[in-house]
Protein backbone atom coordinates (compact mmCIF):
# COMPACT_ATOMS: atom_id res chain seq x y z
CA MET A 1 -4.61 -13.40 10.70
CA ARG A 2 -7.90 -14.94 9.71
CA SER A 3 -9.46 -14.34 6.32
CA ALA A 4 -12.50 -12.63 7.85
CA THR A 5 -10.26 -10.24 9.78
CA ALA A 6 -8.39 -9.35 6.61
CA TRP A 7 -11.67 -8.68 4.78
CA VAL A 8 -12.94 -6.47 7.62
CA LEU A 9 -9.73 -4.43 7.78
CA ILE A 10 -9.55 -3.95 4.00
CA ALA A 11 -13.26 -3.08 3.87
CA ALA A 12 -12.81 -0.48 6.62
CA MET A 13 -9.86 1.13 4.84
CA THR A 14 -11.76 1.12 1.54
CA ILE A 15 -14.83 2.73 3.13
CA VAL A 16 -12.73 5.50 4.69
CA SER A 17 -11.10 6.15 1.33
CA LEU A 18 -14.47 6.26 -0.43
CA LEU A 19 -15.92 8.66 2.15
CA ILE A 20 -12.99 11.06 1.80
CA LEU A 21 -13.25 10.96 -1.99
CA ALA A 22 -17.02 11.51 -1.83
CA LEU A 23 -16.34 14.62 0.25
CA VAL A 24 -13.85 15.79 -2.37
CA ALA A 25 -16.38 15.17 -5.16
CA THR A 26 -19.00 17.34 -3.46
CA PHE A 27 -16.71 20.05 -2.04
CA ARG A 28 -17.47 23.61 -3.13
CA PHE A 29 -15.56 26.76 -2.22
CA ALA A 30 -17.82 29.14 -0.27
CA ILE A 31 -15.88 32.34 -0.94
CA PRO A 32 -12.83 33.19 -3.01
CA LEU A 33 -9.69 32.85 -0.95
CA ILE A 34 -7.87 35.74 -2.66
CA ASP A 35 -8.78 39.12 -4.11
CA PRO A 36 -9.33 39.59 -7.05
CA ALA A 37 -11.21 36.33 -7.28
CA PRO A 38 -9.96 33.83 -9.85
CA PRO A 39 -12.46 32.16 -12.16
CA PRO A 40 -14.52 29.50 -10.38
CA PRO A 41 -13.19 25.95 -10.52
CA ASP A 42 -14.73 23.38 -12.84
CA TYR A 43 -16.63 21.31 -10.30
CA GLY A 44 -17.58 18.73 -12.93
CA VAL A 45 -13.94 17.84 -13.53
CA GLN A 46 -13.34 17.73 -9.77
CA ALA A 47 -16.23 15.30 -9.28
CA ALA A 48 -15.24 13.16 -12.27
CA VAL A 49 -11.67 12.74 -11.03
CA ALA A 50 -12.90 11.92 -7.52
CA PHE A 51 -15.40 9.36 -8.82
CA VAL A 52 -12.78 7.66 -11.02
CA THR A 53 -10.47 7.49 -8.01
CA MET A 54 -13.33 6.05 -5.96
CA ALA A 55 -13.88 3.30 -8.54
CA THR A 56 -10.17 2.52 -8.51
CA ALA A 57 -10.10 2.38 -4.71
CA LEU A 58 -13.12 0.08 -4.65
CA ALA A 59 -11.61 -2.26 -7.23
CA GLY A 60 -8.29 -2.26 -5.36
CA GLY A 61 -9.99 -3.04 -2.06
CA ILE A 62 -11.98 -5.93 -3.51
CA GLY A 63 -8.91 -7.28 -5.29
CA ALA A 64 -6.80 -7.04 -2.13
CA GLY A 65 -9.51 -8.83 -0.16
CA PHE A 66 -9.62 -11.73 -2.61
CA HIS A 67 -5.83 -11.88 -2.73
CA ALA A 68 -5.61 -11.90 1.08
CA SER A 69 -8.21 -14.65 1.37
CA ARG A 70 -6.22 -16.91 -0.95
CA HIS A 71 -2.76 -16.43 0.62
CA SER A 72 -2.93 -17.27 4.31
CA ARG A 73 0.77 -16.79 5.11
CA GLU A 74 0.98 -13.25 3.75
CA ARG A 75 -2.35 -11.80 4.90
CA ALA A 76 -0.91 -9.21 7.26
CA VAL A 77 1.50 -7.99 4.60
CA ILE A 78 -1.28 -7.82 1.99
CA VAL A 79 -3.54 -5.87 4.37
CA GLY A 80 -0.71 -3.48 5.19
CA TRP A 81 0.18 -2.82 1.56
CA ALA A 82 -3.50 -2.45 0.66
CA GLY A 83 -3.79 0.23 3.33
CA VAL A 84 -0.72 2.04 2.01
CA ALA A 85 -2.01 1.85 -1.56
CA LEU A 86 -5.45 3.15 -0.58
CA LEU A 87 -3.90 6.02 1.39
CA ILE A 88 -1.60 7.05 -1.45
CA GLY A 89 -4.39 6.70 -4.01
CA THR A 90 -6.75 8.82 -1.92
CA ILE A 91 -4.17 11.56 -1.45
CA LEU A 92 -3.20 11.59 -5.12
CA GLY A 93 -6.82 11.55 -6.25
CA THR A 94 -7.64 14.45 -3.95
CA VAL A 95 -4.71 16.54 -5.12
CA LEU A 96 -5.43 15.73 -8.76
CA ALA A 97 -9.14 16.59 -8.40
CA PHE A 98 -8.45 19.99 -6.87
CA THR A 99 -5.58 20.76 -9.25
CA LEU A 100 -7.35 19.84 -12.49
CA SER A 101 -10.54 21.65 -11.51
CA ALA A 102 -8.64 24.91 -10.99
CA ARG A 103 -7.43 25.11 -14.58
């Protein structure tokens, strides 16, 4: 795998992660899902957690790109593990944002 290919793949995975987390940061519940309605979530906490996760994903993507460009033999493995890490981080950040905002 060429270095440019590794950068493109990692950048694509990072962008998808950032877009999902941006959606989480701006998500608002239209109507209460149960009756009686619970108190509204703290949307500031939800956005803060999503933005911190976005910064972490961006730093991880840039770091993985530099690491992949320096190690030519292990590029495919680095790209694969970067994708797994971004996926897990996005899922955990999403769950954490929605969970902490509901308290």
